Amino acid sequence: MIMDKKEKNFATYKEFAKMLREVANIYSKLGDEPLLKEGYEYNAIRDAVQYVTNKHDFDYFIQPWKDEFLRMPFDVTKRKKWADYVAECHATGKEIDYDNYDWDK
């Protein structure tokens, strides 16, 4: 498919990240409410995500991630710190210390 030079390519990591942030913002408005398999937020979230993603397949697009997180929740901040530690080890050539990593730092 040849793109007209005036058309913008939206199939980029940046645009995909924007879409994910918008969906995350929708969920963050619910605050510290517990996740429910299907609850009061379902229709509102489904509709809002549909408006952002322009897709009618919420059950395939977002719901599986939510269900998996509900099944096995984790502290995202701690996991992000772990990912940063691993990236630093890779960048500096240090060995990853799986046994002595301080998860509480």
N, C-alpha and C. Protein backbone atom coordinates (compact mmCIF):
# COMPACT_ATOMS: atom_id res chain seq x y z
N MET A 1 0.85 -1.18 0.00
CA MET A 1 0.00 0.00 0.00
C MET A 1 0.89 1.24 0.00
N ILE A 2 0.70 2.10 -0.95
CA ILE A 2 1.47 3.33 -1.05
C ILE A 2 0.72 4.43 -0.32
N MET A 3 1.41 5.07 0.62
CA MET A 3 0.76 6.14 1.39
C MET A 3 0.94 7.47 0.69
N ASP A 4 -0.11 8.24 0.66
CA ASP A 4 -0.02 9.62 0.18
C ASP A 4 0.87 10.37 1.16
N LYS A 5 1.75 11.21 0.66
CA LYS A 5 2.67 11.93 1.55
C LYS A 5 1.94 12.79 2.56
N LYS A 6 0.70 13.16 2.29
CA LYS A 6 -0.06 14.00 3.22
C LYS A 6 -0.65 13.18 4.36
N GLU A 7 -0.77 11.86 4.16
CA GLU A 7 -1.33 11.00 5.20
C GLU A 7 -0.27 10.73 6.26
N LYS A 8 -0.69 10.76 7.51
CA LYS A 8 0.23 10.46 8.61
C LYS A 8 0.13 8.98 8.96
N ASN A 9 1.25 8.36 9.21
CA ASN A 9 1.27 6.96 9.63
C ASN A 9 1.03 6.92 11.14
N PHE A 10 -0.12 6.40 11.52
CA PHE A 10 -0.45 6.31 12.95
C PHE A 10 -0.05 4.97 13.54
N ALA A 11 0.45 4.06 12.70
CA ALA A 11 0.88 2.75 13.20
C ALA A 11 2.30 2.87 13.73
N THR A 12 2.44 3.64 14.82
CA THR A 12 3.75 3.86 15.42
C THR A 12 3.70 3.50 16.90
N TYR A 13 4.86 3.27 17.49
CA TYR A 13 4.92 3.00 18.93
C TYR A 13 4.37 4.18 19.72
N LYS A 14 4.66 5.37 19.25
CA LYS A 14 4.21 6.57 19.96
C LYS A 14 2.68 6.65 19.99
N GLU A 15 2.03 6.39 18.86
CA GLU A 15 0.57 6.44 18.83
C GLU A 15 -0.04 5.31 19.65
N PHE A 16 0.58 4.12 19.58
CA PHE A 16 0.09 3.00 20.38
C PHE A 16 0.20 3.33 21.86
N ALA A 17 1.31 3.94 22.27
CA ALA A 17 1.49 4.34 23.67
C ALA A 17 0.46 5.38 24.08
N LYS A 18 0.14 6.31 23.20
CA LYS A 18 -0.90 7.31 23.50
C LYS A 18 -2.23 6.63 23.78
N MET A 19 -2.56 5.65 22.95
CA MET A 19 -3.82 4.93 23.14
C MET A 19 -3.82 4.21 24.47
N LEU A 20 -2.71 3.54 24.82
CA LEU A 20 -2.64 2.84 26.10
C LEU A 20 -2.76 3.81 27.27
N ARG A 21 -2.12 4.98 27.17
CA ARG A 21 -2.22 5.98 28.25
C ARG A 21 -3.66 6.46 28.42
N GLU A 22 -4.35 6.68 27.32
CA GLU A 22 -5.74 7.13 27.41
C GLU A 22 -6.61 6.08 28.08
N VAL A 23 -6.41 4.82 27.73
CA VAL A 23 -7.17 3.74 28.37
C VAL A 23 -6.81 3.68 29.86
N ALA A 24 -5.53 3.83 30.18
CA ALA A 24 -5.10 3.83 31.59
C ALA A 24 -5.73 4.98 32.35
N ASN A 25 -5.83 6.14 31.73
CA ASN A 25 -6.46 7.29 32.38
C ASN A 25 -7.93 7.02 32.70
N ILE A 26 -8.60 6.32 31.82
CA ILE A 26 -10.00 5.97 32.07
C ILE A 26 -10.10 5.11 33.34
N TYR A 27 -9.25 4.10 33.44
CA TYR A 27 -9.26 3.23 34.62
C TYR A 27 -8.83 3.98 35.88
N SER A 28 -7.85 4.87 35.76
CA SER A 28 -7.33 5.54 36.95
C SER A 28 -8.38 6.42 37.61
N LYS A 29 -9.38 6.84 36.88
CA LYS A 29 -10.45 7.67 37.45
C LYS A 29 -11.25 6.91 38.50
N LEU A 30 -11.18 5.58 38.49
CA LEU A 30 -11.89 4.78 39.48
C LEU A 30 -11.13 4.69 40.79
N GLY A 31 -9.90 5.17 40.81
CA GLY A 31 -9.14 5.24 42.06
C GLY A 31 -8.82 3.89 42.65
N ASP A 32 -8.96 3.79 43.96
CA ASP A 32 -8.60 2.57 44.69
C ASP A 32 -9.76 1.61 44.87
N GLU A 33 -10.77 1.74 44.05
CA GLU A 33 -11.88 0.78 44.09
C GLU A 33 -11.33 -0.60 43.73
N PRO A 34 -11.82 -1.65 44.37
CA PRO A 34 -11.35 -2.99 44.01
C PRO A 34 -11.79 -3.36 42.59
N LEU A 35 -10.94 -4.10 41.89
CA LEU A 35 -11.31 -4.59 40.57
C LEU A 35 -12.42 -5.63 40.72
N LEU A 36 -13.35 -5.59 39.83
CA LEU A 36 -14.43 -6.56 39.81
C LEU A 36 -14.39 -7.31 38.49
N LYS A 37 -14.78 -8.58 38.52
CA LYS A 37 -14.83 -9.35 37.27
C LYS A 37 -15.71 -8.62 36.28
N GLU A 38 -16.91 -8.35 36.68
CA GLU A 38 -17.81 -7.48 35.93
C GLU A 38 -18.59 -6.72 36.96
N GLY A 39 -18.52 -5.44 36.90
CA GLY A 39 -19.19 -4.65 37.90
C GLY A 39 -19.73 -3.37 37.33
N TYR A 40 -19.96 -2.42 38.21
CA TYR A 40 -20.59 -1.17 37.81
C TYR A 40 -19.79 -0.43 36.75
N GLU A 41 -18.48 -0.64 36.73
CA GLU A 41 -17.66 0.12 35.78
C GLU A 41 -17.69 -0.49 34.39
N TYR A 42 -18.16 -1.71 34.25
CA TYR A 42 -18.01 -2.44 32.99
C TYR A 42 -18.51 -1.66 31.78
N ASN A 43 -19.78 -1.24 31.80
CA ASN A 43 -20.33 -0.55 30.63
C ASN A 43 -19.65 0.78 30.38
N ALA A 44 -19.41 1.55 31.44
CA ALA A 44 -18.78 2.86 31.27
C ALA A 44 -17.36 2.71 30.74
N ILE A 45 -16.60 1.79 31.31
CA ILE A 45 -15.23 1.56 30.84
C ILE A 45 -15.25 1.03 29.42
N ARG A 46 -16.09 0.05 29.17
CA ARG A 46 -16.17 -0.52 27.82
C ARG A 46 -16.46 0.56 26.80
N ASP A 47 -17.43 1.42 27.09
CA ASP A 47 -17.79 2.48 26.16
C ASP A 47 -16.66 3.49 25.99
N ALA A 48 -16.04 3.89 27.10
CA ALA A 48 -14.96 4.88 27.02
C ALA A 48 -13.77 4.32 26.25
N VAL A 49 -13.42 3.07 26.50
CA VAL A 49 -12.31 2.45 25.77
C VAL A 49 -12.66 2.35 24.29
N GLN A 50 -13.89 2.02 24.02
CA GLN A 50 -14.33 1.92 22.62
C GLN A 50 -14.17 3.27 21.92
N TYR A 51 -14.49 4.36 22.60
CA TYR A 51 -14.34 5.68 21.99
C TYR A 51 -12.88 5.99 21.69
N VAL A 52 -11.98 5.59 22.61
CA VAL A 52 -10.55 5.85 22.42
C VAL A 52 -9.97 4.95 21.33
N THR A 53 -10.30 3.67 21.38
CA THR A 53 -9.67 2.70 20.48
C THR A 53 -10.43 2.55 19.17
N ASN A 54 -11.66 3.03 19.13
CA ASN A 54 -12.51 2.87 17.96
C ASN A 54 -12.72 1.39 17.64
N LYS A 55 -12.78 0.58 18.67
CA LYS A 55 -12.98 -0.85 18.49
C LYS A 55 -14.18 -1.29 19.33
N HIS A 56 -14.87 -2.27 18.82
CA HIS A 56 -16.04 -2.80 19.53
C HIS A 56 -15.71 -4.13 20.20
N ASP A 57 -14.43 -4.43 20.35
CA ASP A 57 -14.04 -5.72 20.90
C ASP A 57 -13.37 -5.60 22.27
N PHE A 58 -13.96 -4.82 23.16
CA PHE A 58 -13.43 -4.63 24.51
C PHE A 58 -13.12 -5.98 25.17
N ASP A 59 -14.00 -6.96 24.96
CA ASP A 59 -13.81 -8.27 25.61
C ASP A 59 -12.51 -8.94 25.18
N TYR A 60 -12.01 -8.62 24.00
CA TYR A 60 -10.77 -9.21 23.52
C TYR A 60 -9.58 -8.28 23.70
N PHE A 61 -9.86 -7.00 23.79
CA PHE A 61 -8.81 -5.99 23.73
C PHE A 61 -8.28 -5.61 25.12
N ILE A 62 -9.14 -5.39 26.08
CA ILE A 62 -8.75 -4.93 27.42
C ILE A 62 -9.11 -5.95 28.50
N GLN A 63 -10.27 -6.54 28.39
CA GLN A 63 -10.78 -7.43 29.43
C GLN A 63 -9.80 -8.55 29.80
N PRO A 64 -9.09 -9.19 28.84
CA PRO A 64 -8.16 -10.25 29.24
C PRO A 64 -7.03 -9.75 30.15
N TRP A 65 -6.51 -8.55 29.88
CA TRP A 65 -5.47 -7.99 30.76
C TRP A 65 -6.03 -7.74 32.14
N LYS A 66 -7.23 -7.19 32.21
CA LYS A 66 -7.85 -6.90 33.51
C LYS A 66 -8.09 -8.21 34.27
N ASP A 67 -8.62 -9.22 33.59
CA ASP A 67 -8.90 -10.50 34.24
C ASP A 67 -7.62 -11.14 34.77
N GLU A 68 -6.55 -11.07 33.99
CA GLU A 68 -5.28 -11.66 34.42
C GLU A 68 -4.72 -10.91 35.63
N PHE A 69 -4.82 -9.59 35.61
CA PHE A 69 -4.33 -8.79 36.74
C PHE A 69 -5.18 -9.07 37.98
N LEU A 70 -6.48 -9.23 37.80
CA LEU A 70 -7.37 -9.55 38.91
C LEU A 70 -7.02 -10.92 39.50
N ARG A 71 -6.69 -11.86 38.63
CA ARG A 71 -6.34 -13.21 39.06
C ARG A 71 -5.01 -13.24 39.80
N MET A 72 -4.04 -12.46 39.32
CA MET A 72 -2.70 -12.44 39.93
C MET A 72 -2.20 -11.00 40.03
N PRO A 73 -2.76 -10.21 40.96
CA PRO A 73 -2.34 -8.80 41.08
C PRO A 73 -0.90 -8.70 41.60
N PHE A 74 -0.26 -7.59 41.27
CA PHE A 74 1.10 -7.34 41.74
C PHE A 74 1.30 -5.84 41.89
N ASP A 75 2.34 -5.49 42.63
CA ASP A 75 2.70 -4.09 42.86
C ASP A 75 3.47 -3.60 41.63
N VAL A 76 2.83 -2.80 40.82
CA VAL A 76 3.42 -2.33 39.57
C VAL A 76 4.67 -1.50 39.83
N THR A 77 4.66 -0.69 40.88
CA THR A 77 5.83 0.14 41.19
C THR A 77 7.05 -0.73 41.49
N LYS A 78 6.86 -1.78 42.28
CA LYS A 78 7.97 -2.68 42.59
C LYS A 78 8.45 -3.40 41.33
N ARG A 79 7.52 -3.81 40.49
CA ARG A 79 7.91 -4.50 39.26
C ARG A 79 8.66 -3.57 38.32
N LYS A 80 8.28 -2.30 38.29
CA LYS A 80 8.97 -1.31 37.46
C LYS A 80 10.39 -1.12 37.97
N LYS A 81 10.56 -1.07 39.30
CA LYS A 81 11.91 -0.94 39.87
C LYS A 81 12.76 -2.16 39.51
N TRP A 82 12.15 -3.35 39.55
CA TRP A 82 12.86 -4.57 39.17
C TRP A 82 13.28 -4.49 37.70
N ALA A 83 12.38 -4.05 36.84
CA ALA A 83 12.70 -3.93 35.42
C ALA A 83 13.84 -2.94 35.20
N ASP A 84 13.83 -1.83 35.95
CA ASP A 84 14.91 -0.85 35.85
C ASP A 84 16.24 -1.45 36.31
N TYR A 85 16.19 -2.23 37.40
CA TYR A 85 17.39 -2.90 37.91
C TYR A 85 17.96 -3.86 36.86
N VAL A 86 17.10 -4.67 36.26
CA VAL A 86 17.54 -5.63 35.25
C VAL A 86 18.13 -4.89 34.05
N ALA A 87 17.48 -3.81 33.61
CA ALA A 87 17.99 -3.03 32.48
C ALA A 87 19.37 -2.45 32.81
N GLU A 88 19.53 -1.96 34.05
CA GLU A 88 20.82 -1.42 34.48
C GLU A 88 21.90 -2.50 34.47
N CYS A 89 21.55 -3.69 34.95
CA CYS A 89 22.50 -4.80 34.95
C CYS A 89 22.92 -5.14 33.52
N HIS A 90 21.96 -5.19 32.62
CA HIS A 90 22.28 -5.48 31.23
C HIS A 90 23.18 -4.40 30.64
N ALA A 91 22.87 -3.15 30.95
CA ALA A 91 23.63 -2.02 30.39
C ALA A 91 25.06 -1.97 30.91
N THR A 92 25.25 -2.37 32.17
CA THR A 92 26.58 -2.27 32.79
C THR A 92 27.34 -3.60 32.79
N GLY A 93 26.67 -4.66 32.36
CA GLY A 93 27.33 -5.96 32.34
C GLY A 93 27.36 -6.66 33.68
N LYS A 94 26.62 -6.12 34.66
CA LYS A 94 26.56 -6.75 35.99
C LYS A 94 25.65 -7.98 35.92
N GLU A 95 25.95 -8.94 36.78
CA GLU A 95 25.10 -10.12 36.88
C GLU A 95 23.86 -9.76 37.69
N ILE A 96 22.72 -10.25 37.27
CA ILE A 96 21.47 -9.99 38.00
C ILE A 96 21.46 -10.87 39.25
N ASP A 97 21.27 -10.25 40.40
CA ASP A 97 21.27 -10.97 41.68
C ASP A 97 19.82 -11.30 42.05
N TYR A 98 19.35 -12.42 41.52
CA TYR A 98 17.97 -12.83 41.75
C TYR A 98 17.70 -13.15 43.22
N ASP A 99 18.68 -13.72 43.88
CA ASP A 99 18.48 -14.19 45.26
C ASP A 99 18.50 -13.07 46.29
N ASN A 100 19.24 -12.00 46.03
CA ASN A 100 19.41 -10.96 47.05
C ASN A 100 18.82 -9.61 46.67
N TYR A 101 18.00 -9.58 45.64
CA TYR A 101 17.39 -8.31 45.25
C TYR A 101 16.45 -7.84 46.37
N ASP A 102 16.56 -6.58 46.74
CA ASP A 102 15.74 -6.02 47.82
C ASP A 102 14.43 -5.48 47.24
N TRP A 103 13.37 -6.26 47.34
CA TRP A 103 12.07 -5.87 46.78
C TRP A 103 11.43 -4.72 47.54
N ASP A 104 11.92 -4.43 48.74
CA ASP A 104 11.31 -3.38 49.56
C ASP A 104 11.98 -2.02 49.41
N LYS A 105 12.97 -1.92 48.54
CA LYS A 105 13.64 -0.62 48.40
C LYS A 105 12.89 0.29 47.47
